[in-house]
């Protein structure tokens, strides 16, 4: 009994020493944690998390809000990516239209220059002898000449009507050289109007191409910002992370 009582005393002493060491260690850690963080100690936070159900509910609500925000960002990234693809296609289409209008404008200018050179050559050349002939022959020559030009698409129906009705400078009694010069001037003026129309179309298509390219650049920036926000959100909440829209579409 004496040995048993002596053993119990020793065991109790050991347990009391261990308990005192644990209490001292706990006090030291709490003090260090409080001084290092400037806020409540880890023990205080642990007790609050255990004993305060509102904190747990708040944490759960925060996680749900984070998941909802991530889902909204994913949906927004998908919408912006689709809009960006459409803007890219529109920008390419507008650029192709502008390039086609440029080619049309250049071709119209070359055609006008050629007709202008024809007028200059006729003015310098003495294509017909200035001899007296039948005025009826001159009239028939004018009719044949303007009809042939209209069939070739060189003059419009309005120009043909003016020539046949002897309006706007068309004279059936004029020398065939003068009639030919009048025809070349009409062709030149028509090609110049075609060049002006092509230039106006080129300006409109160039403006449309610039607007489409500006819209594409804006959507590119918006898509990049949305992707960046999504990555930051998933980095904060890694448990909610999933492949982004662009990664998913690229893999598919």
Protein backbone atom coordinates (compact mmCIF):
# COMPACT_ATOMS: atom_id res chain seq x y z
CA UNK A 1 0.00 0.00 0.00
CA UNK A 2 2.86 2.30 0.79
CA UNK A 3 4.49 1.52 -2.55
CA UNK A 4 1.17 2.05 -4.35
CA UNK A 5 0.59 5.36 -2.59
CA UNK A 6 4.13 6.46 -3.39
CA UNK A 7 3.66 5.53 -7.07
CA UNK A 8 0.40 7.48 -7.27
CA UNK A 9 2.09 10.55 -5.89
CA UNK A 10 4.85 10.31 -8.46
CA UNK A 11 2.32 9.87 -11.31
CA UNK A 12 0.27 12.81 -10.08
CA UNK A 13 3.40 14.93 -9.91
CA UNK A 14 4.32 14.00 -13.49
CA UNK A 15 0.81 14.78 -14.77
CA UNK A 16 0.78 18.10 -12.97
CA UNK A 17 4.19 18.96 -14.48
CA UNK A 18 2.96 18.07 -17.97
CA UNK A 19 -0.20 20.13 -17.50
CA UNK A 20 1.80 23.11 -16.26
CA UNK A 21 4.14 22.85 -19.27
CA UNK A 22 1.15 22.74 -21.66
CA UNK A 23 -0.45 25.77 -19.99
CA UNK A 24 2.82 27.71 -20.13
CA UNK A 25 3.32 26.81 -23.81
CA UNK A 26 -0.27 27.83 -24.59
CA UNK A 27 0.14 31.18 -22.86
CA UNK A 28 3.45 31.87 -24.64
CA UNK A 29 2.01 31.00 -28.09
CA UNK A 30 -1.07 33.14 -27.51
CA UNK A 31 1.09 36.06 -26.46
CA UNK A 32 3.39 35.71 -29.46
CA UNK A 33 0.47 35.35 -31.88
CA UNK A 34 -1.28 38.39 -30.45
CA UNK A 35 1.83 40.56 -30.65
CA UNK A 36 2.83 39.39 -34.15
CA UNK A 37 -0.55 39.89 -35.85
CA UNK A 38 -1.86 42.84 -33.95
CA UNK A 39 -5.26 41.11 -33.82
CA UNK A 40 -6.92 38.32 -31.89
CA UNK A 41 -4.85 35.24 -31.13
CA UNK A 42 -5.23 31.96 -32.96
CA UNK A 43 -6.91 30.51 -29.92
CA UNK A 44 -9.44 33.31 -29.90
CA UNK A 45 -10.15 32.79 -33.56
CA UNK A 46 -10.45 29.05 -33.07
CA UNK A 47 -12.85 29.49 -30.17
CA UNK A 48 -14.89 31.97 -32.16
CA UNK A 49 -15.12 29.60 -35.12
CA UNK A 50 -16.16 26.74 -32.82
CA UNK A 51 -18.56 28.56 -30.56
CA UNK A 52 -19.89 31.21 -33.00
CA UNK A 53 -22.32 29.66 -35.56
CA UNK A 54 -22.70 33.03 -37.30
CA UNK A 55 -19.04 32.92 -38.35
CA UNK A 56 -19.56 29.53 -39.98
CA UNK A 57 -22.65 30.75 -41.77
CA UNK A 58 -20.82 33.86 -42.92
CA UNK A 59 -17.97 31.76 -44.26
CA UNK A 60 -20.42 29.54 -46.13
CA UNK A 61 -22.25 32.56 -47.56
CA UNK A 62 -18.93 34.06 -48.67
CA UNK A 63 -18.00 30.84 -50.44
CA UNK A 64 -21.38 30.77 -52.19
CA UNK A 65 -20.99 34.39 -53.30
CA UNK A 66 -17.53 33.63 -54.62
CA UNK A 67 -18.82 30.65 -56.59
CA UNK A 68 -21.65 32.73 -58.03
CA UNK A 69 -19.27 35.51 -59.05
CA UNK A 70 -16.99 32.99 -60.76
CA UNK A 71 -19.93 31.52 -62.64
CA UNK A 72 -21.04 34.98 -63.75
CA UNK A 73 -17.51 35.77 -64.92
CA UNK A 74 -17.38 32.52 -66.91
CA UNK A 75 -20.67 33.34 -68.60
CA UNK A 76 -19.51 36.89 -69.33
CA UNK A 77 -16.22 35.62 -70.78
CA UNK A 78 -18.16 33.29 -73.09
CA UNK A 79 -20.44 36.10 -74.27
CA UNK A 80 -17.53 38.49 -74.87
CA UNK A 81 -15.60 35.78 -76.75
CA UNK A 82 -18.56 35.16 -79.08
CA UNK A 83 -18.97 38.89 -79.68
CA UNK A 84 -15.23 39.18 -80.33
CA UNK A 85 -15.38 36.41 -82.95
CA UNK A 86 -18.27 38.15 -84.70
CA UNK A 87 -16.45 41.48 -84.61
CA UNK A 88 -13.37 39.84 -86.11
CA UNK A 89 -15.43 38.35 -88.94
CA UNK A 90 -17.11 41.72 -89.55
CA UNK A 91 -13.74 43.52 -89.58
CA UNK A 92 -12.40 41.05 -92.14
CA UNK A 93 -15.51 41.48 -94.30
CA UNK A 94 -15.32 45.27 -94.16
CA UNK A 95 -11.62 45.21 -95.03
CA UNK A 96 -12.29 42.97 -98.03
CA UNK A 97 -15.03 45.34 -99.19
CA UNK A 98 -12.66 48.29 -98.81
CA UNK A 99 -9.91 46.55 -100.78
CA UNK A 100 -12.42 45.70 -103.54
CA UNK A 101 -13.56 49.34 -103.62
CA UNK A 102 -9.94 50.44 -103.89
CA UNK A 103 -9.41 48.15 -106.88
CA UNK A 104 -12.58 49.49 -108.50
CA UNK A 105 -11.45 53.07 -107.90
CA UNK A 106 -8.02 52.42 -109.41
CA UNK A 107 -9.56 50.71 -112.45
CA UNK A 108 -12.00 53.62 -112.93
CA UNK A 109 -9.12 56.10 -112.78
CA UNK A 110 -7.12 54.16 -115.36
CA UNK A 111 -10.16 54.03 -117.65
CA UNK A 112 -10.65 57.80 -117.28
CA UNK A 113 -6.98 58.46 -118.06
CA UNK A 114 -7.22 56.33 -121.21
CA UNK A 115 -10.32 58.19 -122.40
CA UNK A 116 -8.65 61.52 -121.63
CA UNK A 117 -5.67 60.50 -123.77
CA UNK A 118 -8.06 59.56 -126.60
CA UNK A 119 -9.56 63.04 -126.46
CA UNK A 120 -6.10 64.63 -126.61
CA UNK A 121 -5.08 62.44 -129.53
CA UNK A 122 -8.22 63.35 -131.46
CA UNK A 123 -7.63 67.01 -130.86
CA UNK A 124 -4.12 66.76 -132.24
CA UNK A 125 -4.84 64.39 -135.12
CA UNK A 126 -6.51 65.27 -138.35
CA UNK A 127 -8.50 62.06 -138.60
CA UNK A 128 -10.82 63.24 -141.38
CA UNK A 129 -10.26 65.48 -144.37
CA UNK A 130 -12.18 68.70 -144.04
CA UNK A 131 -14.06 68.37 -147.32
CA UNK A 132 -17.58 69.23 -148.21
CA UNK A 133 -19.97 66.29 -148.08
CA UNK A 134 -23.66 65.56 -147.77
CA UNK A 135 -25.16 66.69 -144.41
CA UNK A 136 -27.35 63.57 -144.50
CA UNK A 137 -24.22 61.43 -144.55
CA UNK A 138 -22.96 63.26 -141.50
CA UNK A 139 -26.22 62.66 -139.69
CA UNK A 140 -26.16 58.94 -140.53
CA UNK A 141 -22.54 58.77 -139.42
CA UNK A 142 -23.49 60.30 -136.08
CA UNK A 143 -26.36 57.83 -135.61
CA UNK A 144 -24.17 54.82 -136.39
CA UNK A 145 -21.35 56.08 -134.22
CA UNK A 146 -23.38 56.76 -131.06
CA UNK A 147 -25.40 53.54 -131.39
CA UNK A 148 -22.21 51.50 -131.66
CA UNK A 149 -20.77 53.29 -128.62
CA UNK A 150 -23.93 52.60 -126.63
CA UNK A 151 -23.85 48.92 -127.59
CA UNK A 152 -20.28 48.71 -126.30
CA UNK A 153 -21.35 50.31 -123.02
CA UNK A 154 -19.24 53.41 -123.53
CA UNK A 155 -22.11 55.90 -123.22
CA UNK A 156 -25.34 55.83 -121.26
CA UNK A 157 -28.87 55.78 -122.58
CA UNK A 158 -29.18 59.47 -121.65
CA UNK A 159 -26.09 60.31 -123.75
CA UNK A 160 -27.50 58.31 -126.65
CA UNK A 161 -30.81 60.16 -126.41
CA UNK A 162 -29.00 63.53 -126.38
CA UNK A 163 -27.06 62.60 -129.51
CA UNK A 164 -30.10 61.35 -131.41
CA UNK A 165 -32.19 64.35 -130.32
CA UNK A 166 -29.29 66.75 -131.09
CA UNK A 167 -29.11 68.16 -127.57
CA UNK A 168 -26.29 69.26 -125.26
CA UNK A 169 -23.83 70.07 -128.05
CA UNK A 170 -24.56 67.20 -130.44
CA UNK A 171 -24.75 68.56 -134.00
CA UNK A 172 -25.68 66.22 -136.88
CA UNK A 173 -24.28 68.75 -139.36
CA UNK A 174 -20.85 68.85 -137.75
CA UNK A 175 -17.84 67.27 -139.42
CA UNK A 176 -17.34 63.58 -138.50
CA UNK A 177 -14.07 64.51 -136.79
CA UNK A 178 -15.96 66.95 -134.56
CA UNK A 179 -18.63 64.29 -133.94
CA UNK A 180 -15.96 61.76 -132.95
CA UNK A 181 -14.38 64.28 -130.61
CA UNK A 182 -17.80 64.94 -129.03
CA UNK A 183 -18.28 61.21 -128.53
CA UNK A 184 -14.87 60.82 -126.87
CA UNK A 185 -15.64 63.69 -124.52
CA UNK A 186 -18.93 62.04 -123.54
CA UNK A 187 -17.11 58.77 -122.87
CA UNK A 188 -14.46 60.60 -120.85
CA UNK A 189 -17.06 62.44 -118.74
CA UNK A 190 -18.94 59.21 -118.08
CA UNK A 191 -15.78 57.46 -116.91
CA UNK A 192 -14.90 60.40 -114.70
CA UNK A 193 -18.33 60.17 -113.06
CA UNK A 194 -17.72 56.45 -112.57
CA UNK A 195 -14.41 57.28 -110.91
CA UNK A 196 -16.11 59.80 -108.60
CA UNK A 197 -18.71 57.21 -107.61
CA UNK A 198 -15.97 54.64 -106.99
CA UNK A 199 -14.07 57.16 -104.87
CA UNK A 200 -17.15 57.88 -102.78
CA UNK A 201 -17.71 54.15 -102.29
CA UNK A 202 -14.06 53.72 -101.32
CA UNK A 203 -14.37 56.45 -98.68
CA UNK A 204 -17.50 54.85 -97.22
CA UNK A 205 -16.01 51.36 -97.12
CA UNK A 206 -12.78 52.71 -95.60
CA UNK A 207 -14.77 54.39 -92.83
CA UNK A 208 -16.79 51.22 -92.24
CA UNK A 209 -13.57 49.17 -92.10
CA UNK A 210 -12.06 51.58 -89.55
CA UNK A 211 -15.17 51.39 -87.36
CA UNK A 212 -15.24 47.60 -87.55
CA UNK A 213 -11.55 47.40 -86.64
CA UNK A 214 -12.06 49.77 -83.70
CA UNK A 215 -14.95 47.62 -82.45
CA UNK A 216 -12.79 44.52 -82.78
CA UNK A 217 -9.94 46.10 -80.78
CA UNK A 218 -12.38 47.19 -78.08
CA UNK A 219 -13.82 43.68 -77.77
CA UNK A 220 -10.32 42.21 -77.74
CA UNK A 221 -9.46 44.39 -74.75
CA UNK A 222 -12.75 43.55 -73.04
CA UNK A 223 -12.21 39.81 -73.57
CA UNK A 224 -8.68 40.06 -72.14
CA UNK A 225 -9.89 41.98 -69.07
CA UNK A 226 -12.72 39.50 -68.49
CA UNK A 227 -10.33 36.56 -68.75
CA UNK A 228 -7.94 38.27 -66.32
CA UNK A 229 -10.73 38.90 -63.79
CA UNK A 230 -11.81 35.27 -64.04
CA UNK A 231 -8.30 34.01 -63.41
CA UNK A 232 -7.91 36.27 -60.39
CA UNK A 233 -11.25 35.11 -58.99
CA UNK A 234 -10.42 31.42 -59.45
CA UNK A 235 -6.98 31.99 -57.92
CA UNK A 236 -8.63 33.45 -54.79
CA UNK A 237 -11.09 30.56 -54.63
CA UNK A 238 -9.12 27.60 -56.08
CA UNK A 239 -11.76 25.11 -55.03
CA UNK A 240 -14.11 26.82 -57.50
CA UNK A 241 -11.53 26.89 -60.30
CA UNK A 242 -12.29 25.28 -63.63
CA UNK A 243 -10.98 25.65 -67.18
CA UNK A 244 -11.86 29.03 -68.62
CA UNK A 245 -14.00 29.48 -71.74
CA UNK A 246 -11.09 30.16 -74.06
CA UNK A 247 -9.14 27.16 -72.74
CA UNK A 248 -12.18 24.95 -73.21
CA UNK A 249 -12.87 26.15 -76.73
CA UNK A 250 -9.20 25.87 -77.68
CA UNK A 251 -9.09 22.29 -76.46
CA UNK A 252 -12.27 21.38 -78.31
